[in-house]
Amino acid sequence: MCKNIVGMANINAQEFQNIAIPHPPIKVQLEYAQVLEGVRDAERPLQRALSEAESMFNPLVQRAFKGEL
């Protein structure tokens, strides 16, 4: 399938089209999408909290380096 030409692997378009790419059934894909959305929903408040913590921490560090604390 793959040929080496001067140290580079090469594959032609016909060989590429003949490669079977497995994919899960649509039901499994939809289940995965639901789980992923749930994870992302749970992650959003954590990302907001992290962003808020960073926005509070950075000025504190600046004040500490300036000797204001």
PDB file of N, CA and C in Angstrom:
ATOM      1  N   MET A   1       0.831  -1.188   0.000  1.00  0.00           N
ATOM      2  CA  MET A   1       0.000   0.000   0.000  1.00  0.00           C
ATOM      3  C   MET A   1       0.876   1.253   0.000  1.00  0.00           C
ATOM      4  N   CYS A   2       1.701   1.401   0.991  1.00  0.00           N
ATOM      5  CA  CYS A   2       2.509   2.594   1.131  1.00  0.00           C
ATOM      6  C   CYS A   2       3.884   2.341   0.526  1.00  0.00           C
ATOM      7  N   LYS A   3       4.320   3.228  -0.339  1.00  0.00           N
ATOM      8  CA  LYS A   3       5.611   3.055  -1.002  1.00  0.00           C
ATOM      9  C   LYS A   3       6.577   4.112  -0.491  1.00  0.00           C
ATOM     10  N   ASN A   4       7.836   3.731  -0.372  1.00  0.00           N
ATOM     11  CA  ASN A   4       8.873   4.686   0.017  1.00  0.00           C
ATOM     12  C   ASN A   4       9.573   5.207  -1.221  1.00  0.00           C
ATOM     13  N   ILE A   5       9.589   6.501  -1.359  1.00  0.00           N
ATOM     14  CA  ILE A   5      10.292   7.139  -2.454  1.00  0.00           C
ATOM     15  C   ILE A   5      11.242   8.152  -1.824  1.00  0.00           C
ATOM     16  N   VAL A   6      12.517   7.904  -1.945  1.00  0.00           N
ATOM     17  CA  VAL A   6      13.549   8.772  -1.384  1.00  0.00           C
ATOM     18  C   VAL A   6      13.253   9.054   0.093  1.00  0.00           C
ATOM     19  N   GLY A   7      12.944   8.005   0.836  1.00  0.00           N
ATOM     20  CA  GLY A   7      12.735   8.158   2.267  1.00  0.00           C
ATOM     21  C   GLY A   7      11.383   8.714   2.666  1.00  0.00           C
ATOM     22  N   MET A   8      10.516   9.032   1.714  1.00  0.00           N
ATOM     23  CA  MET A   8       9.179   9.565   2.036  1.00  0.00           C
ATOM     24  C   MET A   8       8.121   8.527   1.717  1.00  0.00           C
ATOM     25  N   ALA A   9       7.174   8.356   2.633  1.00  0.00           N
ATOM     26  CA  ALA A   9       6.063   7.450   2.383  1.00  0.00           C
ATOM     27  C   ALA A   9       5.123   8.093   1.377  1.00  0.00           C
ATOM     28  N   ASN A  10       4.577   7.288   0.490  1.00  0.00           N
ATOM     29  CA  ASN A  10       3.700   7.815  -0.543  1.00  0.00           C
ATOM     30  C   ASN A  10       2.503   6.885  -0.692  1.00  0.00           C
ATOM     31  N   ILE A  11       1.332   7.460  -0.874  1.00  0.00           N
ATOM     32  CA  ILE A  11       0.123   6.682  -1.110  1.00  0.00           C
ATOM     33  C   ILE A  11      -0.675   7.411  -2.186  1.00  0.00           C
ATOM     34  N   ASN A  12      -1.192   6.666  -3.147  1.00  0.00           N
ATOM     35  CA  ASN A  12      -1.943   7.352  -4.206  1.00  0.00           C
ATOM     36  C   ASN A  12      -3.419   7.477  -3.826  1.00  0.00           C
ATOM     37  N   ALA A  13      -4.153   8.254  -4.591  1.00  0.00           N
ATOM     38  CA  ALA A  13      -5.546   8.556  -4.268  1.00  0.00           C
ATOM     39  C   ALA A  13      -6.423   7.309  -4.267  1.00  0.00           C
ATOM     40  N   GLN A  14      -6.194   6.404  -5.217  1.00  0.00           N
ATOM     41  CA  GLN A  14      -7.005   5.197  -5.280  1.00  0.00           C
ATOM     42  C   GLN A  14      -6.782   4.329  -4.045  1.00  0.00           C
ATOM     43  N   GLU A  15      -5.534   4.173  -3.630  1.00  0.00           N
ATOM     44  CA  GLU A  15      -5.241   3.405  -2.426  1.00  0.00           C
ATOM     45  C   GLU A  15      -5.890   4.061  -1.211  1.00  0.00           C
ATOM     46  N   PHE A  16      -5.853   5.368  -1.174  1.00  0.00           N
ATOM     47  CA  PHE A  16      -6.442   6.105  -0.059  1.00  0.00           C
ATOM     48  C   PHE A  16      -7.954   5.882  -0.002  1.00  0.00           C
ATOM     49  N   GLN A  17      -8.602   5.898  -1.143  1.00  0.00           N
ATOM     50  CA  GLN A  17     -10.053   5.694  -1.189  1.00  0.00           C
ATOM     51  C   GLN A  17     -10.443   4.278  -0.784  1.00  0.00           C
ATOM     52  N   ASN A  18      -9.557   3.335  -0.966  1.00  0.00           N
ATOM     53  CA  ASN A  18      -9.856   1.934  -0.639  1.00  0.00           C
ATOM     54  C   ASN A  18      -9.658   1.600   0.834  1.00  0.00           C
ATOM     55  N   ILE A  19      -9.133   2.526   1.612  1.00  0.00           N
ATOM     56  CA  ILE A  19      -8.911   2.262   3.032  1.00  0.00           C
ATOM     57  C   ILE A  19     -10.252   2.330   3.758  1.00  0.00           C
ATOM     58  N   ALA A  20     -10.591   1.259   4.438  1.00  0.00           N
ATOM     59  CA  ALA A  20     -11.850   1.218   5.196  1.00  0.00           C
ATOM     60  C   ALA A  20     -11.639   1.920   6.538  1.00  0.00           C
ATOM     61  N   ILE A  21     -12.481   2.896   6.825  1.00  0.00           N
ATOM     62  CA  ILE A  21     -12.393   3.630   8.087  1.00  0.00           C
ATOM     63  C   ILE A  21     -13.592   3.216   8.942  1.00  0.00           C
ATOM     64  N   PRO A  22     -13.338   2.464  10.013  1.00  0.00           N
ATOM     65  CA  PRO A  22     -14.458   2.011  10.848  1.00  0.00           C
ATOM     66  C   PRO A  22     -15.064   3.177  11.638  1.00  0.00           C
ATOM     67  N   HIS A  23     -16.352   3.122  11.835  1.00  0.00           N
ATOM     68  CA  HIS A  23     -17.024   4.121  12.664  1.00  0.00           C
ATOM     69  C   HIS A  23     -18.146   3.429  13.433  1.00  0.00           C
ATOM     70  N   PRO A  24     -18.393   3.920  14.646  1.00  0.00           N
ATOM     71  CA  PRO A  24     -19.437   3.284  15.466  1.00  0.00           C
ATOM     72  C   PRO A  24     -20.828   3.575  14.908  1.00  0.00           C
ATOM     73  N   PRO A  25     -21.783   2.761  15.262  1.00  0.00           N
ATOM     74  CA  PRO A  25     -23.164   3.000  14.832  1.00  0.00           C
ATOM     75  C   PRO A  25     -23.662   4.358  15.347  1.00  0.00           C
ATOM     76  N   ILE A  26     -24.638   4.913  14.659  1.00  0.00           N
ATOM     77  CA  ILE A  26     -25.159   6.243  14.994  1.00  0.00           C
ATOM     78  C   ILE A  26     -25.672   6.296  16.426  1.00  0.00           C
ATOM     79  N   LYS A  27     -26.266   5.209  16.912  1.00  0.00           N
ATOM     80  CA  LYS A  27     -26.777   5.175  18.291  1.00  0.00           C
ATOM     81  C   LYS A  27     -25.642   5.403  19.284  1.00  0.00           C
ATOM     82  N   VAL A  28     -24.514   4.758  19.061  1.00  0.00           N
ATOM     83  CA  VAL A  28     -23.362   4.918  19.946  1.00  0.00           C
ATOM     84  C   VAL A  28     -22.806   6.334  19.832  1.00  0.00           C
ATOM     85  N   GLN A  29     -22.786   6.880  18.630  1.00  0.00           N
ATOM     86  CA  GLN A  29     -22.311   8.248  18.438  1.00  0.00           C
ATOM     87  C   GLN A  29     -23.183   9.248  19.201  1.00  0.00           C
ATOM     88  N   LEU A  30     -24.490   9.050  19.142  1.00  0.00           N
ATOM     89  CA  LEU A  30     -25.414   9.945  19.844  1.00  0.00           C
ATOM     90  C   LEU A  30     -25.271   9.828  21.357  1.00  0.00           C
ATOM     91  N   GLU A  31     -25.083   8.599  21.848  1.00  0.00           N
ATOM     92  CA  GLU A  31     -24.861   8.403  23.282  1.00  0.00           C
ATOM     93  C   GLU A  31     -23.585   9.117  23.729  1.00  0.00           C
ATOM     94  N   TYR A  32     -22.538   8.995  22.927  1.00  0.00           N
ATOM     95  CA  TYR A  32     -21.272   9.664  23.233  1.00  0.00           C
ATOM     96  C   TYR A  32     -21.468  11.177  23.263  1.00  0.00           C
ATOM     97  N   ALA A  33     -22.213  11.700  22.307  1.00  0.00           N
ATOM     98  CA  ALA A  33     -22.463  13.143  22.254  1.00  0.00           C
ATOM     99  C   ALA A  33     -23.190  13.619  23.511  1.00  0.00           C
ATOM    100  N   GLN A  34     -24.143  12.825  23.999  1.00  0.00           N
ATOM    101  CA  GLN A  34     -24.872  13.188  25.212  1.00  0.00           C
ATOM    102  C   GLN A  34     -23.945  13.193  26.426  1.00  0.00           C
ATOM    103  N   VAL A  35     -23.107  12.193  26.535  1.00  0.00           N
ATOM    104  CA  VAL A  35     -22.168  12.121  27.657  1.00  0.00           C
ATOM    105  C   VAL A  35     -21.200  13.300  27.593  1.00  0.00           C
ATOM    106  N   LEU A  36     -20.696  13.580  26.404  1.00  0.00           N
ATOM    107  CA  LEU A  36     -19.761  14.690  26.232  1.00  0.00           C
ATOM    108  C   LEU A  36     -20.406  16.023  26.606  1.00  0.00           C
ATOM    109  N   GLU A  37     -21.637  16.227  26.219  1.00  0.00           N
ATOM    110  CA  GLU A  37     -22.339  17.468  26.571  1.00  0.00           C
ATOM    111  C   GLU A  37     -22.503  17.584  28.079  1.00  0.00           C
ATOM    112  N   GLY A  38     -22.793  16.475  28.740  1.00  0.00           N
ATOM    113  CA  GLY A  38     -22.899  16.485  30.197  1.00  0.00           C
ATOM    114  C   GLY A  38     -21.582  16.860  30.855  1.00  0.00           C
ATOM    115  N   VAL A  39     -20.498  16.339  30.329  1.00  0.00           N
ATOM    116  CA  VAL A  39     -19.178  16.670  30.864  1.00  0.00           C
ATOM    117  C   VAL A  39     -18.892  18.155  30.663  1.00  0.00           C
ATOM    118  N   ARG A  40     -19.191  18.653  29.483  1.00  0.00           N
ATOM    119  CA  ARG A  40     -18.955  20.080  29.205  1.00  0.00           C
ATOM    120  C   ARG A  40     -19.830  20.972  30.080  1.00  0.00           C
ATOM    121  N   ASP A  41     -21.069  20.547  30.331  1.00  0.00           N
ATOM    122  CA  ASP A  41     -21.946  21.318  31.230  1.00  0.00           C
ATOM    123  C   ASP A  41     -21.363  21.371  32.634  1.00  0.00           C
ATOM    124  N   ALA A  42     -20.797  20.257  33.089  1.00  0.00           N
ATOM    125  CA  ALA A  42     -20.202  20.215  34.419  1.00  0.00           C
ATOM    126  C   ALA A  42     -18.905  21.030  34.471  1.00  0.00           C
ATOM    127  N   GLU A  43     -18.235  21.135  33.349  1.00  0.00           N
ATOM    128  CA  GLU A  43     -16.951  21.844  33.296  1.00  0.00           C
ATOM    129  C   GLU A  43     -17.114  23.364  33.306  1.00  0.00           C
ATOM    130  N   ARG A  44     -18.200  23.879  32.771  1.00  0.00           N
ATOM    131  CA  ARG A  44     -18.381  25.333  32.640  1.00  0.00           C
ATOM    132  C   ARG A  44     -18.247  26.083  33.966  1.00  0.00           C
ATOM    133  N   PRO A  45     -18.934  25.666  35.036  1.00  0.00           N
ATOM    134  CA  PRO A  45     -18.774  26.407  36.292  1.00  0.00           C
ATOM    135  C   PRO A  45     -17.341  26.337  36.833  1.00  0.00           C
ATOM    136  N   LEU A  46     -16.678  25.217  36.599  1.00  0.00           N
ATOM    137  CA  LEU A  46     -15.292  25.089  37.057  1.00  0.00           C
ATOM    138  C   LEU A  46     -14.386  26.040  36.286  1.00  0.00           C
ATOM    139  N   GLN A  47     -14.614  26.172  34.998  1.00  0.00           N
ATOM    140  CA  GLN A  47     -13.815  27.100  34.194  1.00  0.00           C
ATOM    141  C   GLN A  47     -14.053  28.540  34.633  1.00  0.00           C
ATOM    142  N   ARG A  48     -15.305  28.878  34.935  1.00  0.00           N
ATOM    143  CA  ARG A  48     -15.605  30.236  35.418  1.00  0.00           C
ATOM    144  C   ARG A  48     -14.916  30.495  36.747  1.00  0.00           C
ATOM    145  N   ALA A  49     -14.949  29.518  37.651  1.00  0.00           N
ATOM    146  CA  ALA A  49     -14.308  29.670  38.956  1.00  0.00           C
ATOM    147  C   ALA A  49     -12.799  29.821  38.801  1.00  0.00           C
ATOM    148  N   LEU A  50     -12.216  29.048  37.903  1.00  0.00           N
ATOM    149  CA  LEU A  50     -10.784  29.158  37.656  1.00  0.00           C
ATOM    150  C   LEU A  50     -10.424  30.529  37.105  1.00  0.00           C
ATOM    151  N   SER A  51     -11.211  31.006  36.180  1.00  0.00           N
ATOM    152  CA  SER A  51     -10.971  32.322  35.595  1.00  0.00           C
ATOM    153  C   SER A  51     -11.070  33.418  36.661  1.00  0.00           C
ATOM    154  N   GLU A  52     -12.067  33.312  37.516  1.00  0.00           N
ATOM    155  CA  GLU A  52     -12.240  34.293  38.585  1.00  0.00           C
ATOM    156  C   GLU A  52     -11.073  34.236  39.567  1.00  0.00           C
ATOM    157  N   ALA A  53     -10.640  33.047  39.914  1.00  0.00           N
ATOM    158  CA  ALA A  53      -9.510  32.896  40.833  1.00  0.00           C
ATOM    159  C   ALA A  53      -8.240  33.500  40.238  1.00  0.00           C
ATOM    160  N   GLU A  54      -8.011  33.263  38.948  1.00  0.00           N
ATOM    161  CA  GLU A  54      -6.836  33.831  38.287  1.00  0.00           C
ATOM    162  C   GLU A  54      -6.914  35.350  38.240  1.00  0.00           C
ATOM    163  N   SER A  55      -8.096  35.880  37.981  1.00  0.00           N
ATOM    164  CA  SER A  55      -8.226  37.334  37.909  1.00  0.00           C
ATOM    165  C   SER A  55      -8.026  37.980  39.283  1.00  0.00           C
ATOM    166  N   MET A  56      -8.278  37.252  40.345  1.00  0.00           N
ATOM    167  CA  MET A  56      -8.037  37.782  41.694  1.00  0.00           C
ATOM    168  C   MET A  56      -6.581  37.564  42.116  1.00  0.00           C
ATOM    169  N   PHE A  57      -5.972  36.476  41.655  1.00  0.00           N
ATOM    170  CA  PHE A  57      -4.617  36.126  42.063  1.00  0.00           C
ATOM    171  C   PHE A  57      -3.563  37.002  41.387  1.00  0.00           C
ATOM    172  N   ASN A  58      -3.735  37.287  40.111  1.00  0.00           N
ATOM    173  CA  ASN A  58      -2.721  38.041  39.371  1.00  0.00           C
ATOM    174  C   ASN A  58      -2.447  39.425  39.958  1.00  0.00           C
ATOM    175  N   PRO A  59      -3.456  40.224  40.297  1.00  0.00           N
ATOM    176  CA  PRO A  59      -3.151  41.518  40.922  1.00  0.00           C
ATOM    177  C   PRO A  59      -2.472  41.361  42.282  1.00  0.00           C
ATOM    178  N   LEU A  60      -2.827  40.314  43.002  1.00  0.00           N
ATOM    179  CA  LEU A  60      -2.210  40.058  44.297  1.00  0.00           C
ATOM    180  C   LEU A  60      -0.712  39.781  44.134  1.00  0.00           C
ATOM    181  N   VAL A  61      -0.361  39.000  43.139  1.00  0.00           N
ATOM    182  CA  VAL A  61       1.046  38.703  42.867  1.00  0.00           C
ATOM    183  C   VAL A  61       1.786  39.987  42.484  1.00  0.00           C
ATOM    184  N   GLN A  62       1.159  40.819  41.662  1.00  0.00           N
ATOM    185  CA  GLN A  62       1.794  42.078  41.262  1.00  0.00           C
ATOM    186  C   GLN A  62       2.058  42.959  42.480  1.00  0.00           C
ATOM    187  N   ARG A  63       1.092  43.054  43.366  1.00  0.00           N
ATOM    188  CA  ARG A  63       1.281  43.850  44.580  1.00  0.00           C
ATOM    189  C   ARG A  63       2.379  43.274  45.459  1.00  0.00           C
ATOM    190  N   ALA A  64       2.468  41.938  45.526  1.00  0.00           N
ATOM    191  CA  ALA A  64       3.497  41.306  46.333  1.00  0.00           C
ATOM    192  C   ALA A  64       4.887  41.613  45.770  1.00  0.00           C
ATOM    193  N   PHE A  65       5.047  41.573  44.456  1.00  0.00           N
ATOM    194  CA  PHE A  65       6.357  41.848  43.860  1.00  0.00           C
ATOM    195  C   PHE A  65       6.728  43.324  43.994  1.00  0.00           C
ATOM    196  N   LYS A  66       5.732  44.182  44.074  1.00  0.00           N
ATOM    197  CA  LYS A  66       6.013  45.618  44.258  1.00  0.00           C
ATOM    198  C   LYS A  66       6.297  45.934  45.733  1.00  0.00           C
ATOM    199  N   GLY A  67       6.129  44.971  46.598  1.00  0.00           N
ATOM    200  CA  GLY A  67       6.357  45.181  48.026  1.00  0.00           C
ATOM    201  C   GLY A  67       5.206  45.885  48.718  1.00  0.00           C
ATOM    202  N   GLU A  68       4.041  45.863  48.143  1.00  0.00           N
ATOM    203  CA  GLU A  68       2.888  46.540  48.722  1.00  0.00           C
ATOM    204  C   GLU A  68       2.159  45.671  49.743  1.00  0.00           C
ATOM    205  N   LEU A  69       2.572  44.447  49.908  1.00  0.00           N
ATOM    206  CA  LEU A  69       1.907  43.563  50.883  1.00  0.00           C
ATOM    207  C   LEU A  69       2.770  43.361  52.100  1.00  0.00           C
TER     208      LEU A  69
END
